[in-house]
Protein backbone atom coordinates (compact mmCIF):
# COMPACT_ATOMS: atom_id res chain seq x y z
CA UNK A 1 36.63 -11.20 -20.08
CA UNK A 2 33.41 -9.57 -18.81
CA UNK A 3 33.63 -6.87 -16.29
CA UNK A 4 30.67 -5.86 -14.13
CA UNK A 5 31.45 -2.41 -12.60
CA UNK A 6 28.47 -2.45 -10.54
CA UNK A 7 29.41 -5.31 -8.43
CA UNK A 8 32.99 -5.36 -8.38
CA UNK A 9 33.41 -8.69 -10.03
CA UNK A 10 34.52 -10.04 -13.14
CA UNK A 11 33.29 -13.09 -15.28
CA UNK A 12 35.34 -15.11 -17.62
CA UNK A 13 33.80 -17.26 -20.62
CA UNK A 14 35.37 -20.41 -21.09
CA UNK A 15 34.16 -23.80 -22.51
CA UNK A 16 30.73 -21.89 -22.24
CA UNK A 17 30.96 -22.01 -18.64
CA UNK A 18 30.94 -19.04 -16.46
CA UNK A 19 33.27 -18.65 -13.36
CA UNK A 20 32.85 -15.94 -11.21
CA UNK A 21 35.36 -14.23 -8.93
CA UNK A 22 35.34 -14.82 -5.01
CA UNK A 23 33.58 -11.20 -4.68
CA UNK A 24 30.43 -12.44 -5.82
CA UNK A 25 27.08 -10.63 -4.65
CA UNK A 26 25.30 -12.60 -2.20
CA UNK A 27 21.16 -12.67 -1.99
CA UNK A 28 21.78 -10.90 1.30
CA UNK A 29 23.82 -7.77 -0.11
CA UNK A 30 21.15 -7.77 -2.85
CA UNK A 31 18.45 -7.43 -0.41
CA UNK A 32 20.23 -5.00 1.72
CA UNK A 33 20.88 -2.83 -1.17
CA UNK A 34 17.30 -2.83 -2.26
CA UNK A 35 15.96 -2.24 1.22
CA UNK A 36 18.24 0.78 1.64
CA UNK A 37 16.93 2.27 -1.69
CA UNK A 38 13.40 1.84 -0.66
CA UNK A 39 14.02 3.05 2.80
CA UNK A 40 15.42 6.13 1.29
CA UNK A 41 12.42 6.63 -0.72
CA UNK A 42 10.07 5.99 2.09
CA UNK A 43 11.99 8.42 4.36
CA UNK A 44 11.55 10.99 1.73
CA UNK A 45 7.55 10.82 1.56
CA UNK A 46 7.40 10.37 5.38
CA UNK A 47 9.38 13.57 5.64
CA UNK A 48 7.07 15.42 3.39
CA UNK A 49 4.15 14.38 4.98
CA UNK A 50 5.43 15.01 8.63
CA UNK A 51 4.17 11.87 9.57
CA UNK A 52 6.70 9.02 11.11
CA UNK A 53 6.31 5.62 9.08
CA UNK A 54 6.22 2.50 11.47
CA UNK A 55 8.30 -0.14 10.03
CA UNK A 56 7.70 -2.94 11.91
CA UNK A 57 5.90 -3.91 15.46
CA UNK A 58 7.12 -6.88 17.61
CA UNK A 59 5.55 -8.25 20.87
CA UNK A 60 8.33 -9.42 22.84
CA UNK A 61 6.58 -10.29 25.99
CA UNK A 62 2.86 -10.73 26.97
CA UNK A 63 0.75 -11.21 30.18
CA UNK A 64 -2.89 -10.86 30.85
CA UNK A 65 -2.72 -6.99 30.83
CA UNK A 66 1.03 -6.08 30.15
CA UNK A 67 3.02 -6.14 26.69
CA UNK A 68 6.36 -5.18 25.91
CA UNK A 69 6.62 -4.63 22.27
CA UNK A 70 9.66 -3.54 20.04
CA UNK A 71 8.63 -1.00 17.48
CA UNK A 72 10.86 0.55 14.23
CA UNK A 73 10.03 4.10 12.92
CA UNK A 74 11.06 6.02 10.15
CA UNK A 75 11.21 9.44 11.84
CA UNK A 76 13.10 11.38 9.06
CA UNK A 77 15.14 11.21 6.14
CA UNK A 78 18.07 10.17 8.05
CA UNK A 79 17.03 8.35 11.07
CA UNK A 80 15.31 5.28 12.32
CA UNK A 81 14.15 4.93 15.71
CA UNK A 82 14.18 1.32 17.53
CA UNK A 83 12.37 1.54 20.72
CA UNK A 84 11.31 -1.21 23.22
CA UNK A 85 8.74 -0.30 25.69
CA UNK A 86 6.38 -1.80 28.21
CA UNK A 87 2.38 -0.83 28.65
CA UNK A 88 -0.59 -1.87 30.03
CA UNK A 89 -2.31 -2.87 33.19
CA UNK A 90 -1.11 -0.85 36.44
CA UNK A 91 2.27 -0.34 34.42
CA UNK A 92 2.72 3.05 33.09
CA UNK A 93 4.20 3.52 29.64
CA UNK A 94 7.97 3.30 30.19
CA UNK A 95 10.72 2.87 27.47
CA UNK A 96 13.15 -0.03 28.38
CA UNK A 97 15.38 0.50 25.25
CA UNK A 98 16.23 3.12 22.26
CA UNK A 99 18.33 2.81 19.65
CA UNK A 100 19.03 5.45 16.76
CA UNK A 101 20.20 4.15 13.59
CA UNK A 102 20.95 6.13 10.31
CA UNK A 103 18.96 5.09 7.28
CA UNK A 104 22.16 3.16 5.96
CA UNK A 105 22.82 1.44 9.19
CA UNK A 106 19.83 0.14 9.85
CA UNK A 107 19.39 -2.24 6.95
CA UNK A 108 22.33 -4.07 7.85
CA UNK A 109 21.48 -4.16 11.36
CA UNK A 110 18.03 -5.59 10.54
CA UNK A 111 19.51 -8.01 8.47
CA UNK A 112 21.48 -9.48 10.84
CA UNK A 113 18.90 -9.49 13.66
CA UNK A 114 16.16 -11.37 11.56
CA UNK A 115 15.32 -11.74 7.59
CA UNK A 116 11.51 -12.04 8.99
CA UNK A 117 11.70 -8.38 10.19
CA UNK A 118 13.36 -7.37 6.68
CA UNK A 119 10.30 -9.07 5.09
CA UNK A 120 7.74 -7.16 7.35
CA UNK A 121 9.54 -4.00 7.08
CA UNK A 122 9.32 -4.07 3.05
CA UNK A 123 6.17 -5.40 3.06
CA UNK A 124 4.78 -2.25 5.58
CA UNK A 125 6.56 0.07 3.06
CA UNK A 126 4.84 -1.10 0.10
CA UNK A 127 1.67 -1.04 1.91
CA UNK A 128 2.30 2.66 3.14
CA UNK A 129 3.71 4.07 -0.10
């Protein structure tokens, strides 16, 4: 019997086959762990530079002269700010929604929301760091 303490699972070797406990680590959990680690490293760098790091920008709605956009920003070692705002044309800049997440909560929230956004965040962090 092999015990993997990191993943809380055990493997049993029988007849050269490996069976894994129900608590098998899924790919999503692995991605969340890696994303969290990278986010914490990026937050330290962003704090030292005293400059927020934009994790993603997503256009929600666009007309000829106005845009509604969602932007996620790593603002400190502890917090990620997600804002939805409208701008352009005769419309003054206005914030429709603001959400604050801890660096521990954000990866789970973003993974539930969209894997595409997770990949975009990872790519942005790789490019900026």
